[in-house]
Protein backbone atom coordinates (compact mmCIF):
# COMPACT_ATOMS: atom_id res chain seq x y z
CA UNK A 1 57.72 52.60 69.85
CA UNK A 2 57.94 56.25 68.83
CA UNK A 3 60.32 58.95 69.94
CA UNK A 4 58.18 61.71 71.42
CA UNK A 5 56.14 60.96 74.59
CA UNK A 6 52.55 62.03 74.20
CA UNK A 7 49.29 62.00 76.11
CA UNK A 8 45.65 62.70 75.34
CA UNK A 9 43.03 63.76 77.88
CA UNK A 10 39.30 64.30 77.59
CA UNK A 11 37.05 65.82 80.25
CA UNK A 12 33.39 64.78 80.05
CA UNK A 13 34.03 63.76 76.42
CA UNK A 14 35.60 67.12 75.50
CA UNK A 15 39.19 66.93 74.25
CA UNK A 16 41.30 69.16 76.52
CA UNK A 17 44.72 67.84 75.47
CA UNK A 18 45.88 71.15 73.95
CA UNK A 19 44.73 73.12 77.01
CA UNK A 20 46.57 70.76 79.36
CA UNK A 21 49.70 70.69 77.17
CA UNK A 22 49.99 74.49 77.27
CA UNK A 23 50.41 74.41 81.08
CA UNK A 24 51.71 70.86 81.50
CA UNK A 25 54.36 70.04 84.11
CA UNK A 26 53.79 66.34 84.88
CA UNK A 27 51.35 63.49 85.23
CA UNK A 28 51.49 60.34 87.29
CA UNK A 29 49.28 57.26 86.88
CA UNK A 30 49.41 54.62 89.63
CA UNK A 31 47.97 51.29 88.44
CA UNK A 32 47.46 48.91 91.37
CA UNK A 33 46.61 45.24 91.54
CA UNK A 34 45.58 45.54 95.16
CA UNK A 35 42.40 46.72 96.81
CA UNK A 36 42.33 50.42 95.97
CA UNK A 37 41.23 52.13 92.79
CA UNK A 38 43.95 53.36 90.44
CA UNK A 39 44.76 57.05 90.79
CA UNK A 40 45.92 59.86 88.51
CA UNK A 41 47.65 63.16 89.28
CA UNK A 42 48.18 65.96 86.76
CA UNK A 43 50.27 69.02 87.70
CA UNK A 44 49.98 72.23 85.71
CA UNK A 45 51.87 75.54 85.78
CA UNK A 46 49.59 78.34 86.97
CA UNK A 47 51.97 81.21 86.37
CA UNK A 48 49.87 83.68 84.40
CA UNK A 49 48.29 86.11 86.92
CA UNK A 50 45.85 87.25 84.23
CA UNK A 51 44.64 83.73 83.48
CA UNK A 52 44.64 81.60 86.58
CA UNK A 53 43.53 78.03 86.05
CA UNK A 54 40.10 77.30 87.49
CA UNK A 55 39.94 74.32 89.79
CA UNK A 56 38.23 71.33 88.15
CA UNK A 57 34.74 70.29 89.11
CA UNK A 58 34.71 67.39 91.53
CA UNK A 59 33.13 64.44 89.77
CA UNK A 60 34.28 65.43 86.27
CA UNK A 61 35.17 62.38 84.17
CA UNK A 62 38.67 62.31 82.68
CA UNK A 63 39.91 59.76 80.14
CA UNK A 64 43.67 59.35 79.68
CA UNK A 65 45.74 57.86 76.88
CA UNK A 66 49.54 57.49 76.98
CA UNK A 67 52.22 56.58 74.48
CA UNK A 68 54.51 58.02 71.83
CA UNK A 69 53.97 60.10 68.70
CA UNK A 70 50.53 59.17 67.35
CA UNK A 71 50.39 55.70 68.94
CA UNK A 72 48.51 56.04 72.22
CA UNK A 73 47.03 53.45 74.58
CA UNK A 74 43.79 54.08 76.47
CA UNK A 75 44.52 53.92 80.21
CA UNK A 76 40.96 54.26 81.39
CA UNK A 77 38.52 56.72 82.94
CA UNK A 78 39.05 58.66 86.17
CA UNK A 79 36.74 60.73 88.35
CA UNK A 80 38.17 64.02 89.65
CA UNK A 81 38.25 63.79 93.43
CA UNK A 82 40.24 66.86 94.46
CA UNK A 83 42.89 69.45 93.70
CA UNK A 84 45.69 71.36 95.41
CA UNK A 85 47.54 74.60 94.70
CA UNK A 86 51.09 75.57 95.54
CA UNK A 87 53.41 78.52 95.11
CA UNK A 88 56.83 79.86 95.98
CA UNK A 89 58.75 83.10 96.02
CA UNK A 90 59.07 84.54 92.56
CA UNK A 91 55.53 83.83 91.45
CA UNK A 92 55.73 80.17 90.38
CA UNK A 93 52.41 78.50 91.08
CA UNK A 94 51.05 75.06 90.39
CA UNK A 95 47.69 73.34 90.29
CA UNK A 96 47.55 69.58 90.87
CA UNK A 97 44.43 67.67 89.89
CA UNK A 98 43.72 64.33 91.56
CA UNK A 99 41.42 61.65 90.16
CA UNK A 100 40.61 58.01 90.85
CA UNK A 101 39.58 55.20 88.55
CA UNK A 102 35.98 55.73 87.51
CA UNK A 103 33.67 53.12 89.00
CA UNK A 104 31.66 53.41 85.82
CA UNK A 105 32.20 55.27 82.57
CA UNK A 106 28.83 56.57 81.47
CA UNK A 107 28.09 59.15 84.13
CA UNK A 108 30.20 62.27 83.42
CA UNK A 109 28.77 64.11 86.41
CA UNK A 110 28.89 61.56 89.15
CA UNK A 111 30.78 59.75 91.85
CA UNK A 112 29.08 56.58 93.03
CA UNK A 113 28.04 55.93 96.59
CA UNK A 114 30.50 53.08 97.01
CA UNK A 115 31.69 54.53 100.29
CA UNK A 116 28.16 54.72 101.75
CA UNK A 117 27.81 52.44 104.76
CA UNK A 118 24.96 49.94 104.54
CA UNK A 119 23.57 47.17 106.73
CA UNK A 120 22.26 43.93 105.28
CA UNK A 121 22.53 40.17 105.64
CA UNK A 122 23.85 37.67 103.10
CA UNK A 123 22.06 34.36 103.53
CA UNK A 124 23.89 31.09 103.91
CA UNK A 125 24.79 29.68 100.49
CA UNK A 126 25.17 33.00 98.66
CA UNK A 127 27.92 32.63 96.05
CA UNK A 128 30.63 35.19 95.52
CA UNK A 129 29.35 35.69 91.98
CA UNK A 130 25.82 36.46 93.18
CA UNK A 131 27.10 38.79 95.89
CA UNK A 132 29.22 40.82 93.47
CA UNK A 133 26.35 40.96 90.96
CA UNK A 134 23.99 42.30 93.62
CA UNK A 135 26.46 44.98 94.71
CA UNK A 136 27.29 45.93 91.12
CA UNK A 137 23.62 46.35 90.22
CA UNK A 138 23.08 48.58 93.25
CA UNK A 139 25.65 50.98 91.81
CA UNK A 140 24.60 50.82 88.16
CA UNK A 141 27.53 48.63 87.18
CA UNK A 142 28.17 45.14 85.84
CA UNK A 143 29.97 42.39 87.75
CA UNK A 144 33.20 40.74 86.59
CA UNK A 145 34.21 37.72 88.69
CA UNK A 146 36.86 35.11 87.99
CA UNK A 147 35.26 31.74 87.14
CA UNK A 148 37.27 30.02 89.87
CA UNK A 149 35.65 32.29 92.48
CA UNK A 150 32.16 32.93 91.11
CA UNK A 151 30.71 29.61 92.33
CA UNK A 152 32.25 29.70 95.81
CA UNK A 153 29.41 29.38 98.32
CA UNK A 154 29.64 31.57 101.42
CA UNK A 155 28.20 31.11 104.92
CA UNK A 156 25.73 33.57 106.43
CA UNK A 157 27.35 37.01 106.68
CA UNK A 158 26.14 40.27 108.18
CA UNK A 159 27.29 43.50 106.56
CA UNK A 160 26.86 45.96 109.39
CA UNK A 161 27.35 49.68 108.68
CA UNK A 162 30.04 48.90 106.11
CA UNK A 163 30.42 50.05 102.51
CA UNK A 164 30.14 47.51 99.71
CA UNK A 165 33.72 48.07 98.56
CA UNK A 166 35.09 47.68 102.10
CA UNK A 167 33.17 44.43 102.53
CA UNK A 168 34.45 43.07 99.19
CA UNK A 169 38.01 44.10 100.00
CA UNK A 170 37.90 42.00 103.18
CA UNK A 171 36.48 39.08 101.24
CA UNK A 172 39.18 39.56 98.59
CA UNK A 173 41.92 39.30 101.19
CA UNK A 174 40.46 36.01 102.36
CA UNK A 175 40.31 34.49 98.87
CA UNK A 176 43.46 36.16 97.47
CA UNK A 177 41.49 38.22 94.97
CA UNK A 178 41.52 41.78 93.65
CA UNK A 179 38.32 43.64 94.52
CA UNK A 180 37.85 47.08 93.00
CA UNK A 181 35.69 49.18 90.65
CA UNK A 182 37.19 50.02 87.26
CA UNK A 183 36.06 50.73 83.71
CA UNK A 184 32.35 50.36 84.35
CA UNK A 185 32.70 47.04 86.21
CA UNK A 186 32.94 45.81 89.76
CA UNK A 187 35.91 43.43 89.67
CA UNK A 188 36.59 40.41 91.84
CA UNK A 189 39.57 38.71 90.21
CA UNK A 190 41.77 35.87 91.43
CA UNK A 191 45.37 36.97 91.87
CA UNK A 192 48.47 35.19 90.66
CA UNK A 193 46.88 33.62 87.56
CA UNK A 194 47.65 36.25 84.88
CA UNK A 195 44.14 35.88 83.49
CA UNK A 196 41.20 38.08 82.63
CA UNK A 197 37.90 37.59 84.47
CA UNK A 198 36.86 35.45 81.51
CA UNK A 199 39.76 33.07 82.09
CA UNK A 200 41.81 34.18 79.06
CA UNK A 201 45.55 34.73 79.46
CA UNK A 202 46.64 38.35 79.61
CA UNK A 203 49.03 39.66 76.92
CA UNK A 204 52.70 38.96 77.54
CA UNK A 205 55.26 41.80 77.47
CA UNK A 206 58.68 40.50 76.43
CA UNK A 207 61.71 42.31 77.85
CA UNK A 208 65.46 42.04 77.48
CA UNK A 209 67.89 43.65 79.91
CA UNK A 210 68.64 46.36 77.32
CA UNK A 211 64.96 47.38 77.42
CA UNK A 212 65.16 48.55 81.04
CA UNK A 213 67.05 51.29 82.86
CA UNK A 214 67.39 49.51 86.20
CA UNK A 215 66.18 46.35 87.89
CA UNK A 216 66.36 44.88 91.39
CA UNK A 217 65.53 41.29 92.38
CA UNK A 218 65.16 40.17 95.98
CA UNK A 219 64.27 36.90 97.69
CA UNK A 220 63.78 36.76 101.44
CA UNK A 221 62.93 33.38 102.94
CA UNK A 222 63.75 34.24 106.53
CA UNK A 223 60.24 33.09 107.27
CA UNK A 224 58.91 30.29 105.08
CA UNK A 225 55.20 30.02 104.19
CA UNK A 226 55.05 27.19 106.74
CA UNK A 227 51.61 25.66 107.34
CA UNK A 228 48.21 27.29 106.98
CA UNK A 229 45.28 25.85 108.93
CA UNK A 230 41.56 26.50 108.42
CA UNK A 231 38.52 24.97 110.10
CA UNK A 232 35.06 23.97 108.92
CA UNK A 233 31.98 22.62 110.65
CA UNK A 234 30.05 19.48 109.69
CA UNK A 235 26.64 20.04 111.37
CA UNK A 236 25.16 16.55 110.82
CA UNK A 237 28.17 14.92 112.44
CA UNK A 238 28.61 17.71 115.00
CA UNK A 239 32.29 17.79 114.11
CA UNK A 240 34.92 20.45 113.54
CA UNK A 241 37.52 19.58 110.90
CA UNK A 242 40.93 21.20 110.42
CA UNK A 243 42.32 21.54 106.90
CA UNK A 244 46.06 22.18 106.62
CA UNK A 245 48.27 22.94 103.64
CA UNK A 246 52.05 23.22 103.66
CA UNK A 247 54.51 21.87 106.19
CA UNK A 248 56.56 23.04 109.12
CA UNK A 249 56.58 26.28 111.05
CA UNK A 250 55.27 28.87 111.39
CA UNK A 251 51.73 27.55 111.65
CA UNK A 252 49.07 30.12 110.79
CA UNK A 253 45.45 29.62 111.78
CA UNK A 254 42.70 31.54 109.99
CA UNK A 255 40.16 32.31 112.69
CA UNK A 256 36.98 32.06 110.64
CA UNK A 257 35.10 28.72 110.49
CA UNK A 258 34.02 27.67 107.00
CA UNK A 259 30.94 25.69 105.97
CA UNK A 260 32.65 23.06 103.82
CA UNK A 261 35.96 21.43 103.14
CA UNK A 262 36.09 23.06 99.70
CA UNK A 263 35.80 26.55 101.16
CA UNK A 264 38.29 25.84 103.94
CA UNK A 265 40.77 24.47 101.42
CA UNK A 266 40.29 27.44 99.07
CA UNK A 267 40.99 29.92 101.88
CA UNK A 268 44.06 27.97 103.05
CA UNK A 269 45.45 27.76 99.51
CA UNK A 270 44.82 31.48 98.96
CA UNK A 271 46.77 32.37 102.10
CA UNK A 272 49.58 29.98 101.15
CA UNK A 273 49.89 31.33 97.59
CA UNK A 274 49.90 34.92 98.85
CA UNK A 275 52.78 34.13 101.23
CA UNK A 276 54.74 32.11 98.70
CA UNK A 277 54.51 34.85 96.06
CA UNK A 278 55.39 37.61 98.51
CA UNK A 279 58.83 36.18 99.33
CA UNK A 280 60.25 37.06 95.89
CA UNK A 281 60.08 40.59 94.50
CA UNK A 282 61.22 42.36 91.35
CA UNK A 283 61.33 46.09 90.59
CA UNK A 284 62.05 47.58 87.16
CA UNK A 285 62.58 51.13 85.91
CA UNK A 286 62.25 51.48 82.15
CA UNK A 287 61.37 53.96 79.40
CA UNK A 288 57.63 54.51 79.42
CA UNK A 289 55.58 51.61 78.11
CA UNK A 290 51.81 52.17 78.16
CA UNK A 291 51.16 48.45 77.60
CA UNK A 292 52.31 47.70 81.16
CA UNK A 293 49.33 47.35 83.51
CA UNK A 294 48.71 45.72 86.86
CA UNK A 295 48.26 41.94 86.48
CA UNK A 296 50.01 42.01 83.08
CA UNK A 297 52.58 39.28 82.39
CA UNK A 298 56.26 40.05 81.88
CA UNK A 299 58.58 37.57 80.17
CA UNK A 300 62.20 38.41 80.97
CA UNK A 301 64.70 36.73 78.66
CA UNK A 302 67.99 35.06 79.62
CA UNK A 303 69.95 38.32 79.46
CA UNK A 304 68.66 39.01 82.99
CA UNK A 305 70.50 35.95 84.24
CA UNK A 306 69.57 33.29 86.80
CA UNK A 307 66.76 33.89 89.31
CA UNK A 308 65.42 36.83 87.29
CA UNK A 309 64.71 35.45 83.81
CA UNK A 310 61.24 34.02 83.23
CA UNK A 311 57.62 34.97 83.83
CA UNK A 312 56.50 37.65 86.29
CA UNK A 313 53.17 39.23 87.20
CA UNK A 314 52.94 43.02 87.50
CA UNK A 315 51.50 44.02 90.88
CA UNK A 316 52.00 47.77 90.45
CA UNK A 317 52.80 49.99 87.46
CA UNK A 318 53.50 53.70 87.81
CA UNK A 319 53.53 55.75 84.61
CA UNK A 320 55.10 59.22 84.77
CA UNK A 321 55.40 61.87 82.08
CA UNK A 322 57.03 65.27 82.51
CA UNK A 323 59.15 67.70 80.53
CA UNK A 324 62.02 65.25 80.75
CA UNK A 325 60.20 62.34 79.13
CA UNK A 326 58.14 59.28 79.96
CA UNK A 327 59.09 56.43 82.30
CA UNK A 328 57.43 53.39 83.88
CA UNK A 329 58.21 51.86 87.25
CA UNK A 330 57.14 48.24 87.79
CA UNK A 331 56.77 46.01 90.83
CA UNK A 332 56.25 42.32 90.07
CA UNK A 333 56.04 38.88 91.65
CA UNK A 334 56.19 35.31 90.39
CA UNK A 335 52.85 33.73 89.31
CA UNK A 336 51.31 30.75 91.06
CA UNK A 337 52.55 28.49 88.25
CA UNK A 338 56.22 29.31 88.89
CA UNK A 339 58.13 26.48 90.65
CA UNK A 340 59.20 28.87 93.41
CA UNK A 341 55.50 29.32 94.27
CA UNK A 342 53.87 26.10 93.12
CA UNK A 343 56.25 24.05 95.28
CA UNK A 344 54.27 25.34 98.26
CA UNK A 345 50.88 24.78 96.61
CA UNK A 346 51.29 21.24 95.27
CA UNK A 347 51.75 19.51 98.57
CA UNK A 348 49.31 17.27 100.39
CA UNK A 349 46.14 18.75 101.88
CA UNK A 350 45.32 17.19 105.25
CA UNK A 351 41.84 16.98 106.78
CA UNK A 352 41.62 16.08 110.45
CA UNK A 353 38.59 15.66 112.69
CA UNK A 354 39.16 17.62 115.87
CA UNK A 355 38.14 16.37 119.26
CA UNK A 356 36.05 18.91 121.21
CA UNK A 357 38.95 19.51 123.59
CA UNK A 358 41.51 20.18 120.85
CA UNK A 359 42.64 23.79 120.64
CA UNK A 360 43.98 24.31 117.11
CA UNK A 361 45.31 27.73 118.01
CA UNK A 362 47.87 26.34 120.42
CA UNK A 363 51.27 27.27 119.16
CA UNK A 364 49.79 28.80 115.99
CA UNK A 365 49.97 32.36 114.81
CA UNK A 366 46.51 33.62 113.95
CA UNK A 367 46.00 35.50 110.71
CA UNK A 368 43.38 38.21 110.83
CA UNK A 369 41.06 37.58 107.90
CA UNK A 370 38.32 40.00 108.89
CA UNK A 371 35.70 37.40 109.81
């Protein structure tokens, strides 16, 4: 790693690094593993009354690289979505440019219509892979779906006056997946696996305690993952089955009925893994490291001590550069393979035929899954 923090920025393929550097105050890149596109903010000094900075064109395509000296890492493409100006007594003025991860890279002028509400039906048996491919094609993109999710068959669904990205986000919550546009692709990626959409392991970033400025570990098991219950219908037998994973209380019932045991089990396991991972959290402040991205793997050595050493998955990485230097803030959780998580996932899966009079919601806390 070098000594001098650096950045490089292009706008619609034109290098504007020198122009930005002359007025530069700060930049902030928020890299999320959740359901929203990554976002970028760049703040510039607008102090010269004879040469005020023009506001950027909405829809302009920015590409950012971060790092040190001459070693920079491409952090992706971003579409300018807005700007704000500020000032104070004495003449100091600023211009802040806001941009969000580009849904696709090859259209310097455009923002896609991902937020446009549409109405359509998805027939019974449509797979997640086919659904994402259809949506991606409608927006001039390519689909990237985790192999473990691509073949999942879905029941009939109606998309009523809802944007494609909103619909996928709801589906992603149900199957514990990341759904978002980035880098020319529409992503639907299983969480907690530390893998690319192709199934390859993501690069591992090795850290010792001396590599970081501050860290905080926290485990809160006041409420255990308990038991998750899903239901599916067997039409030929006219039966409703309940699938349960985990043990004990609280019992959480997903309200949607699934079409097969495999789908009901997948949804129950997704909810269980999400709850098991969420009980343990790690935050790290460290000198800027452009290699850190959401879903990247951290390997913390034994200098961090018990409970903290080992493998973690980055859920959020914030990169900040200003006149004072470059720093990275990380939020992370244990992967599904960690014993603290897998202990809740390796238990017995129970399948019970429900009598028509049985109310599976009795005494159970319902989880809103959007369906």
